[in-house]
Amino acid sequence: MAQQNKDLVGEAFELFDSDGDGHLLVSEVASAIRALGHVMTDTDIKNMLKKIGVEGRGGRVDLNRFRQMHSSLPAQNYTRQLEEALRTVDKEGGGFVQASELKHLLTNMGDRLSDDDFNVLLEELDIDSSGRIQFKEFVRLLASGR
């Protein structure tokens, strides 16, 4: 897993090294860190850059420094992040989301699912008589990779 993570960090670096010079600009660092799944403010990233001695808009980060920055970040808990995201749409705080609202979110925002893909996902989920899906069931399904 550590090797896989190391490869992903290198791939993100190369992807955002827009001019291929082996360095990321400060603005590219922020995009690359976020692409690796880290939710960070601009201030958080600016503070990380400052810790490794890179300051100002003209600062540049090589792959070794980028790896150093990334390795200092806590491991991502995608299950927790997903649960937190779902809580934002849980109007009653009961651990459920309306199937219609989930469809809207998954087919219209971010990396969009097609209606057909959503319907396949829906077949795997238990929907109660009120048209709601329990968060834990949804997260379990996604975590199992089914």
N, C-alpha and C. Protein backbone atom coordinates (compact mmCIF):
# COMPACT_ATOMS: atom_id res chain seq x y z
N MET A 1 0.83 -1.20 0.00
CA MET A 1 0.00 0.00 0.00
C MET A 1 0.87 1.25 0.00
N ALA A 2 1.95 1.25 0.76
CA ALA A 2 2.83 2.42 0.81
C ALA A 2 3.42 2.69 -0.58
N GLN A 3 3.81 1.63 -1.30
CA GLN A 3 4.35 1.81 -2.64
C GLN A 3 3.29 2.35 -3.59
N GLN A 4 2.07 1.83 -3.47
CA GLN A 4 0.98 2.32 -4.30
C GLN A 4 0.73 3.80 -4.03
N ASN A 5 0.73 4.19 -2.76
CA ASN A 5 0.53 5.59 -2.39
C ASN A 5 1.66 6.44 -2.96
N LYS A 6 2.90 5.94 -2.89
CA LYS A 6 4.05 6.67 -3.41
C LYS A 6 3.89 6.90 -4.91
N ASP A 7 3.40 5.87 -5.63
CA ASP A 7 3.20 6.00 -7.06
C ASP A 7 2.11 7.03 -7.37
N LEU A 8 1.04 7.04 -6.58
CA LEU A 8 -0.02 8.02 -6.78
C LEU A 8 0.49 9.44 -6.56
N VAL A 9 1.33 9.62 -5.59
CA VAL A 9 1.89 10.95 -5.32
C VAL A 9 2.72 11.40 -6.52
N GLY A 10 3.53 10.51 -7.05
CA GLY A 10 4.33 10.84 -8.24
C GLY A 10 3.46 11.14 -9.45
N GLU A 11 2.40 10.36 -9.62
CA GLU A 11 1.49 10.59 -10.74
C GLU A 11 0.80 11.94 -10.61
N ALA A 12 0.36 12.28 -9.39
CA ALA A 12 -0.28 13.58 -9.18
C ALA A 12 0.71 14.70 -9.48
N PHE A 13 1.94 14.53 -9.04
CA PHE A 13 2.97 15.54 -9.29
C PHE A 13 3.13 15.75 -10.79
N GLU A 14 3.30 14.66 -11.52
CA GLU A 14 3.50 14.76 -12.97
C GLU A 14 2.28 15.37 -13.66
N LEU A 15 1.10 15.01 -13.21
CA LEU A 15 -0.12 15.53 -13.82
C LEU A 15 -0.21 17.05 -13.68
N PHE A 16 0.18 17.56 -12.53
CA PHE A 16 0.05 18.99 -12.29
C PHE A 16 1.30 19.79 -12.63
N ASP A 17 2.37 19.13 -13.00
CA ASP A 17 3.57 19.81 -13.47
C ASP A 17 3.30 20.21 -14.92
N SER A 18 2.55 21.28 -15.09
CA SER A 18 2.01 21.64 -16.40
C SER A 18 3.06 21.92 -17.47
N ASP A 19 4.22 22.42 -17.07
CA ASP A 19 5.25 22.70 -18.07
C ASP A 19 6.32 21.62 -18.13
N GLY A 20 6.18 20.58 -17.30
CA GLY A 20 7.10 19.45 -17.35
C GLY A 20 8.52 19.75 -16.91
N ASP A 21 8.69 20.80 -16.08
CA ASP A 21 10.04 21.19 -15.68
C ASP A 21 10.51 20.51 -14.38
N GLY A 22 9.68 19.62 -13.83
CA GLY A 22 10.08 18.94 -12.60
C GLY A 22 9.78 19.72 -11.34
N HIS A 23 8.99 20.78 -11.47
CA HIS A 23 8.62 21.61 -10.33
C HIS A 23 7.14 21.99 -10.42
N LEU A 24 6.53 22.11 -9.27
CA LEU A 24 5.16 22.61 -9.21
C LEU A 24 5.18 24.04 -8.69
N LEU A 25 4.36 24.87 -9.30
CA LEU A 25 4.14 26.20 -8.77
C LEU A 25 3.25 26.07 -7.54
N VAL A 26 3.21 27.09 -6.71
CA VAL A 26 2.40 27.05 -5.49
C VAL A 26 0.95 26.70 -5.83
N SER A 27 0.40 27.31 -6.88
CA SER A 27 -0.99 27.04 -7.26
C SER A 27 -1.17 25.59 -7.70
N GLU A 28 -0.17 25.02 -8.32
CA GLU A 28 -0.24 23.62 -8.76
C GLU A 28 -0.15 22.66 -7.57
N VAL A 29 0.61 23.04 -6.54
CA VAL A 29 0.73 22.21 -5.34
C VAL A 29 -0.65 22.03 -4.71
N ALA A 30 -1.39 23.12 -4.57
CA ALA A 30 -2.71 23.06 -3.96
C ALA A 30 -3.61 22.10 -4.75
N SER A 31 -3.61 22.21 -6.05
CA SER A 31 -4.44 21.34 -6.88
C SER A 31 -4.02 19.88 -6.75
N ALA A 32 -2.72 19.62 -6.74
CA ALA A 32 -2.22 18.25 -6.66
C ALA A 32 -2.55 17.61 -5.31
N ILE A 33 -2.40 18.36 -4.23
CA ILE A 33 -2.73 17.85 -2.89
C ILE A 33 -4.22 17.51 -2.83
N ARG A 34 -5.04 18.40 -3.34
CA ARG A 34 -6.49 18.16 -3.32
C ARG A 34 -6.87 16.99 -4.22
N ALA A 35 -6.19 16.83 -5.34
CA ALA A 35 -6.47 15.70 -6.24
C ALA A 35 -6.16 14.37 -5.57
N LEU A 36 -5.26 14.38 -4.61
CA LEU A 36 -4.93 13.16 -3.86
C LEU A 36 -5.95 12.89 -2.74
N GLY A 37 -7.00 13.72 -2.67
CA GLY A 37 -8.09 13.46 -1.74
C GLY A 37 -8.04 14.22 -0.44
N HIS A 38 -7.10 15.12 -0.30
CA HIS A 38 -6.98 15.87 0.95
C HIS A 38 -7.81 17.15 0.86
N VAL A 39 -8.65 17.34 1.84
CA VAL A 39 -9.47 18.55 1.90
C VAL A 39 -8.71 19.55 2.75
N MET A 40 -8.17 20.56 2.08
CA MET A 40 -7.34 21.55 2.76
C MET A 40 -7.66 22.94 2.24
N THR A 41 -7.61 23.90 3.14
CA THR A 41 -7.80 25.29 2.74
C THR A 41 -6.52 25.82 2.13
N ASP A 42 -6.63 26.95 1.46
CA ASP A 42 -5.44 27.60 0.91
C ASP A 42 -4.46 27.96 2.02
N THR A 43 -5.01 28.37 3.18
CA THR A 43 -4.16 28.72 4.32
C THR A 43 -3.39 27.50 4.82
N ASP A 44 -4.06 26.34 4.89
CA ASP A 44 -3.38 25.11 5.31
C ASP A 44 -2.21 24.80 4.38
N ILE A 45 -2.46 24.91 3.10
CA ILE A 45 -1.41 24.59 2.12
C ILE A 45 -0.28 25.62 2.20
N LYS A 46 -0.64 26.88 2.37
CA LYS A 46 0.37 27.94 2.50
C LYS A 46 1.27 27.66 3.72
N ASN A 47 0.65 27.24 4.83
CA ASN A 47 1.43 26.93 6.04
C ASN A 47 2.35 25.72 5.81
N MET A 48 1.87 24.71 5.09
CA MET A 48 2.72 23.55 4.78
C MET A 48 3.92 23.98 3.94
N LEU A 49 3.65 24.82 2.95
CA LEU A 49 4.73 25.29 2.09
C LEU A 49 5.76 26.08 2.89
N LYS A 50 5.28 26.89 3.80
CA LYS A 50 6.17 27.70 4.64
C LYS A 50 7.08 26.79 5.48
N LYS A 51 6.50 25.68 6.00
CA LYS A 51 7.29 24.74 6.82
C LYS A 51 8.44 24.12 6.04
N ILE A 52 8.26 23.94 4.73
CA ILE A 52 9.35 23.34 3.95
C ILE A 52 10.20 24.39 3.24
N GLY A 53 9.95 25.67 3.60
CA GLY A 53 10.80 26.74 3.08
C GLY A 53 10.39 27.30 1.74
N VAL A 54 9.14 27.10 1.34
CA VAL A 54 8.66 27.65 0.07
C VAL A 54 7.63 28.72 0.40
N GLU A 55 7.92 29.94 -0.01
CA GLU A 55 6.99 31.03 0.28
C GLU A 55 6.76 31.87 -0.97
N GLY A 56 5.62 32.50 -1.01
CA GLY A 56 5.30 33.41 -2.10
C GLY A 56 4.78 32.70 -3.33
N ARG A 57 4.18 33.48 -4.20
CA ARG A 57 3.58 32.93 -5.42
C ARG A 57 4.62 32.37 -6.38
N GLY A 58 5.81 32.88 -6.35
CA GLY A 58 6.84 32.42 -7.27
C GLY A 58 7.55 31.16 -6.79
N GLY A 59 7.17 30.67 -5.59
CA GLY A 59 7.82 29.48 -5.06
C GLY A 59 7.56 28.25 -5.91
N ARG A 60 8.52 27.35 -5.87
CA ARG A 60 8.41 26.12 -6.66
C ARG A 60 8.76 24.93 -5.78
N VAL A 61 8.12 23.81 -6.06
CA VAL A 61 8.30 22.60 -5.25
C VAL A 61 8.70 21.46 -6.17
N ASP A 62 9.81 20.79 -5.83
CA ASP A 62 10.21 19.62 -6.62
C ASP A 62 9.51 18.38 -6.07
N LEU A 63 9.71 17.24 -6.73
CA LEU A 63 9.01 16.01 -6.35
C LEU A 63 9.35 15.58 -4.93
N ASN A 64 10.61 15.70 -4.53
CA ASN A 64 11.00 15.29 -3.17
C ASN A 64 10.29 16.12 -2.12
N ARG A 65 10.23 17.42 -2.33
CA ARG A 65 9.52 18.28 -1.37
C ARG A 65 8.02 18.00 -1.38
N PHE A 66 7.48 17.71 -2.57
CA PHE A 66 6.06 17.39 -2.66
C PHE A 66 5.76 16.10 -1.89
N ARG A 67 6.63 15.11 -2.05
CA ARG A 67 6.47 13.86 -1.29
C ARG A 67 6.56 14.13 0.22
N GLN A 68 7.48 15.00 0.61
CA GLN A 68 7.64 15.37 2.01
C GLN A 68 6.36 16.01 2.53
N MET A 69 5.79 16.90 1.76
CA MET A 69 4.53 17.55 2.16
C MET A 69 3.43 16.51 2.31
N HIS A 70 3.30 15.66 1.30
CA HIS A 70 2.22 14.67 1.31
C HIS A 70 2.38 13.68 2.46
N SER A 71 3.59 13.27 2.74
CA SER A 71 3.80 12.29 3.81
C SER A 71 3.51 12.87 5.19
N SER A 72 3.51 14.19 5.31
CA SER A 72 3.20 14.80 6.60
C SER A 72 1.69 14.90 6.85
N LEU A 73 0.90 14.60 5.84
CA LEU A 73 -0.56 14.69 5.97
C LEU A 73 -1.10 13.40 6.57
N PRO A 74 -2.17 13.49 7.34
CA PRO A 74 -2.78 12.28 7.90
C PRO A 74 -3.38 11.43 6.79
N ALA A 75 -3.39 10.12 7.00
CA ALA A 75 -4.00 9.21 6.04
C ALA A 75 -5.48 9.57 5.88
N GLN A 76 -5.97 9.39 4.69
CA GLN A 76 -7.36 9.73 4.41
C GLN A 76 -8.28 8.61 4.86
N ASN A 77 -9.36 8.99 5.51
CA ASN A 77 -10.39 8.04 5.91
C ASN A 77 -11.60 8.36 5.04
N TYR A 78 -11.68 7.69 3.89
CA TYR A 78 -12.72 7.99 2.92
C TYR A 78 -14.10 7.64 3.43
N THR A 79 -14.19 6.61 4.25
CA THR A 79 -15.49 6.25 4.82
C THR A 79 -16.00 7.39 5.69
N ARG A 80 -15.13 7.93 6.53
CA ARG A 80 -15.53 9.04 7.39
C ARG A 80 -15.89 10.26 6.56
N GLN A 81 -15.11 10.55 5.52
CA GLN A 81 -15.41 11.70 4.67
C GLN A 81 -16.76 11.54 3.98
N LEU A 82 -17.05 10.34 3.52
CA LEU A 82 -18.33 10.09 2.88
C LEU A 82 -19.47 10.26 3.87
N GLU A 83 -19.29 9.73 5.07
CA GLU A 83 -20.33 9.88 6.09
C GLU A 83 -20.56 11.36 6.42
N GLU A 84 -19.49 12.13 6.51
CA GLU A 84 -19.62 13.57 6.79
C GLU A 84 -20.35 14.28 5.65
N ALA A 85 -20.03 13.91 4.43
CA ALA A 85 -20.70 14.52 3.28
C ALA A 85 -22.19 14.20 3.29
N LEU A 86 -22.52 12.96 3.61
CA LEU A 86 -23.93 12.58 3.64
C LEU A 86 -24.67 13.28 4.77
N ARG A 87 -24.00 13.54 5.87
CA ARG A 87 -24.64 14.25 6.98
C ARG A 87 -25.10 15.65 6.58
N THR A 88 -24.42 16.25 5.62
CA THR A 88 -24.80 17.59 5.20
C THR A 88 -26.16 17.60 4.50
N VAL A 89 -26.60 16.47 3.98
CA VAL A 89 -27.91 16.41 3.33
C VAL A 89 -28.95 15.72 4.22
N ASP A 90 -28.56 15.32 5.41
CA ASP A 90 -29.47 14.66 6.35
C ASP A 90 -30.20 15.73 7.16
N LYS A 91 -31.32 16.17 6.64
CA LYS A 91 -32.03 17.30 7.24
C LYS A 91 -32.57 17.00 8.64
N GLU A 92 -32.95 15.75 8.89
CA GLU A 92 -33.51 15.40 10.20
C GLU A 92 -32.47 14.83 11.16
N GLY A 93 -31.26 14.55 10.68
CA GLY A 93 -30.22 14.01 11.54
C GLY A 93 -30.43 12.56 11.93
N GLY A 94 -31.19 11.82 11.13
CA GLY A 94 -31.50 10.42 11.46
C GLY A 94 -30.63 9.39 10.78
N GLY A 95 -29.65 9.82 9.99
CA GLY A 95 -28.77 8.87 9.32
C GLY A 95 -29.32 8.37 8.01
N PHE A 96 -30.23 9.13 7.41
CA PHE A 96 -30.84 8.74 6.13
C PHE A 96 -30.73 9.86 5.12
N VAL A 97 -30.80 9.49 3.85
CA VAL A 97 -30.87 10.45 2.75
C VAL A 97 -31.97 9.96 1.82
N GLN A 98 -32.75 10.90 1.30
CA GLN A 98 -33.79 10.54 0.35
C GLN A 98 -33.12 10.01 -0.93
N ALA A 99 -33.64 8.93 -1.47
CA ALA A 99 -33.09 8.35 -2.70
C ALA A 99 -33.09 9.39 -3.82
N SER A 100 -34.15 10.20 -3.90
CA SER A 100 -34.23 11.21 -4.96
C SER A 100 -33.14 12.28 -4.79
N GLU A 101 -32.83 12.63 -3.55
CA GLU A 101 -31.79 13.62 -3.30
C GLU A 101 -30.41 13.04 -3.61
N LEU A 102 -30.21 11.78 -3.24
CA LEU A 102 -28.94 11.12 -3.55
C LEU A 102 -28.76 11.03 -5.06
N LYS A 103 -29.82 10.71 -5.77
CA LYS A 103 -29.73 10.64 -7.23
C LYS A 103 -29.32 12.00 -7.79
N HIS A 104 -29.95 13.06 -7.30
CA HIS A 104 -29.60 14.40 -7.78
C HIS A 104 -28.12 14.70 -7.54
N LEU A 105 -27.64 14.39 -6.34
CA LEU A 105 -26.24 14.65 -6.00
C LEU A 105 -25.28 13.86 -6.88
N LEU A 106 -25.58 12.57 -7.06
CA LEU A 106 -24.65 11.70 -7.77
C LEU A 106 -24.71 11.84 -9.29
N THR A 107 -25.81 12.36 -9.81
CA THR A 107 -25.92 12.48 -11.27
C THR A 107 -25.72 13.91 -11.76
N ASN A 108 -25.62 14.87 -10.83
CA ASN A 108 -25.48 16.26 -11.25
C ASN A 108 -24.26 16.98 -10.70
N MET A 109 -23.54 16.40 -9.75
CA MET A 109 -22.42 17.10 -9.13
C MET A 109 -21.16 16.25 -9.20
N GLY A 110 -20.02 16.92 -9.24
CA GLY A 110 -18.73 16.23 -9.20
C GLY A 110 -18.56 15.26 -10.35
N ASP A 111 -18.00 14.08 -10.06
CA ASP A 111 -17.87 13.02 -11.06
C ASP A 111 -19.23 12.37 -11.19
N ARG A 112 -19.98 12.79 -12.17
CA ARG A 112 -21.38 12.42 -12.31
C ARG A 112 -21.58 10.98 -12.75
N LEU A 113 -22.57 10.35 -12.13
CA LEU A 113 -23.02 9.04 -12.58
C LEU A 113 -24.09 9.24 -13.64
N SER A 114 -24.17 8.30 -14.55
CA SER A 114 -25.30 8.34 -15.49
C SER A 114 -26.54 7.85 -14.75
N ASP A 115 -27.70 8.12 -15.30
CA ASP A 115 -28.94 7.62 -14.69
C ASP A 115 -28.91 6.10 -14.62
N ASP A 116 -28.39 5.46 -15.67
CA ASP A 116 -28.31 3.99 -15.67
C ASP A 116 -27.41 3.47 -14.56
N ASP A 117 -26.24 4.11 -14.38
CA ASP A 117 -25.32 3.70 -13.31
C ASP A 117 -25.95 3.90 -11.94
N PHE A 118 -26.68 5.01 -11.78
CA PHE A 118 -27.35 5.24 -10.50
C PHE A 118 -28.40 4.16 -10.25
N ASN A 119 -29.15 3.78 -11.29
CA ASN A 119 -30.17 2.74 -11.13
C ASN A 119 -29.56 1.40 -10.73
N VAL A 120 -28.39 1.08 -11.27
CA VAL A 120 -27.68 -0.14 -10.87
C VAL A 120 -27.30 -0.06 -9.39
N LEU A 121 -26.80 1.09 -8.97
CA LEU A 121 -26.45 1.30 -7.57
C LEU A 121 -27.69 1.18 -6.69
N LEU A 122 -28.77 1.74 -7.13
CA LEU A 122 -30.03 1.72 -6.37
C LEU A 122 -30.53 0.30 -6.14
N GLU A 123 -30.29 -0.59 -7.13
CA GLU A 123 -30.71 -1.98 -6.99
C GLU A 123 -30.01 -2.68 -5.83
N GLU A 124 -28.82 -2.21 -5.48
CA GLU A 124 -28.04 -2.82 -4.40
C GLU A 124 -28.40 -2.26 -3.02
N LEU A 125 -29.13 -1.16 -2.99
CA LEU A 125 -29.43 -0.49 -1.72
C LEU A 125 -30.82 -0.84 -1.21
N ASP A 126 -30.95 -0.85 0.10
CA ASP A 126 -32.25 -1.02 0.72
C ASP A 126 -32.89 0.35 0.89
N ILE A 127 -34.05 0.52 0.28
CA ILE A 127 -34.78 1.78 0.39
C ILE A 127 -36.01 1.52 1.24
N ASP A 128 -36.21 2.35 2.26
CA ASP A 128 -37.37 2.13 3.13
C ASP A 128 -38.65 2.65 2.47
N SER A 129 -39.77 2.46 3.12
CA SER A 129 -41.07 2.82 2.55
C SER A 129 -41.22 4.32 2.32
N SER A 130 -40.37 5.12 2.95
CA SER A 130 -40.41 6.58 2.76
C SER A 130 -39.46 7.05 1.67
N GLY A 131 -38.82 6.10 0.98
CA GLY A 131 -37.89 6.45 -0.10
C GLY A 131 -36.53 6.89 0.40
N ARG A 132 -36.17 6.44 1.60
CA ARG A 132 -34.89 6.85 2.20
C ARG A 132 -33.88 5.70 2.18
N ILE A 133 -32.63 6.09 2.13
CA ILE A 133 -31.50 5.14 2.18
C ILE A 133 -30.71 5.44 3.44
N GLN A 134 -30.38 4.39 4.18
CA GLN A 134 -29.58 4.58 5.39
C GLN A 134 -28.12 4.79 5.00
N PHE A 135 -27.48 5.81 5.61
CA PHE A 135 -26.08 6.12 5.31
C PHE A 135 -25.18 4.90 5.45
N LYS A 136 -25.34 4.19 6.55
CA LYS A 136 -24.46 3.06 6.82
C LYS A 136 -24.53 2.03 5.70
N GLU A 137 -25.71 1.82 5.16
CA GLU A 137 -25.89 0.86 4.06
C GLU A 137 -25.17 1.36 2.81
N PHE A 138 -25.32 2.64 2.51
CA PHE A 138 -24.70 3.23 1.34
C PHE A 138 -23.17 3.17 1.45
N VAL A 139 -22.66 3.57 2.60
CA VAL A 139 -21.21 3.56 2.83
C VAL A 139 -20.68 2.12 2.77
N ARG A 140 -21.40 1.18 3.36
CA ARG A 140 -20.99 -0.23 3.32
C ARG A 140 -20.90 -0.72 1.89
N LEU A 141 -21.88 -0.38 1.08
CA LEU A 141 -21.89 -0.80 -0.32
C LEU A 141 -20.68 -0.22 -1.06
N LEU A 142 -20.42 1.05 -0.87
CA LEU A 142 -19.29 1.67 -1.56
C LEU A 142 -17.95 1.12 -1.07
N ALA A 143 -17.86 0.88 0.23
CA ALA A 143 -16.61 0.36 0.80
C ALA A 143 -16.33 -1.07 0.34
N SER A 144 -17.39 -1.83 0.07
CA SER A 144 -17.20 -3.22 -0.36
C SER A 144 -16.79 -3.32 -1.81
N GLY A 145 -16.93 -2.20 -2.54
CA GLY A 145 -16.52 -2.20 -3.94
C GLY A 145 -17.50 -2.88 -4.86
N ARG A 146 -18.69 -3.13 -4.40
CA ARG A 146 -19.69 -3.80 -5.23
C ARG A 146 -20.33 -2.84 -6.19
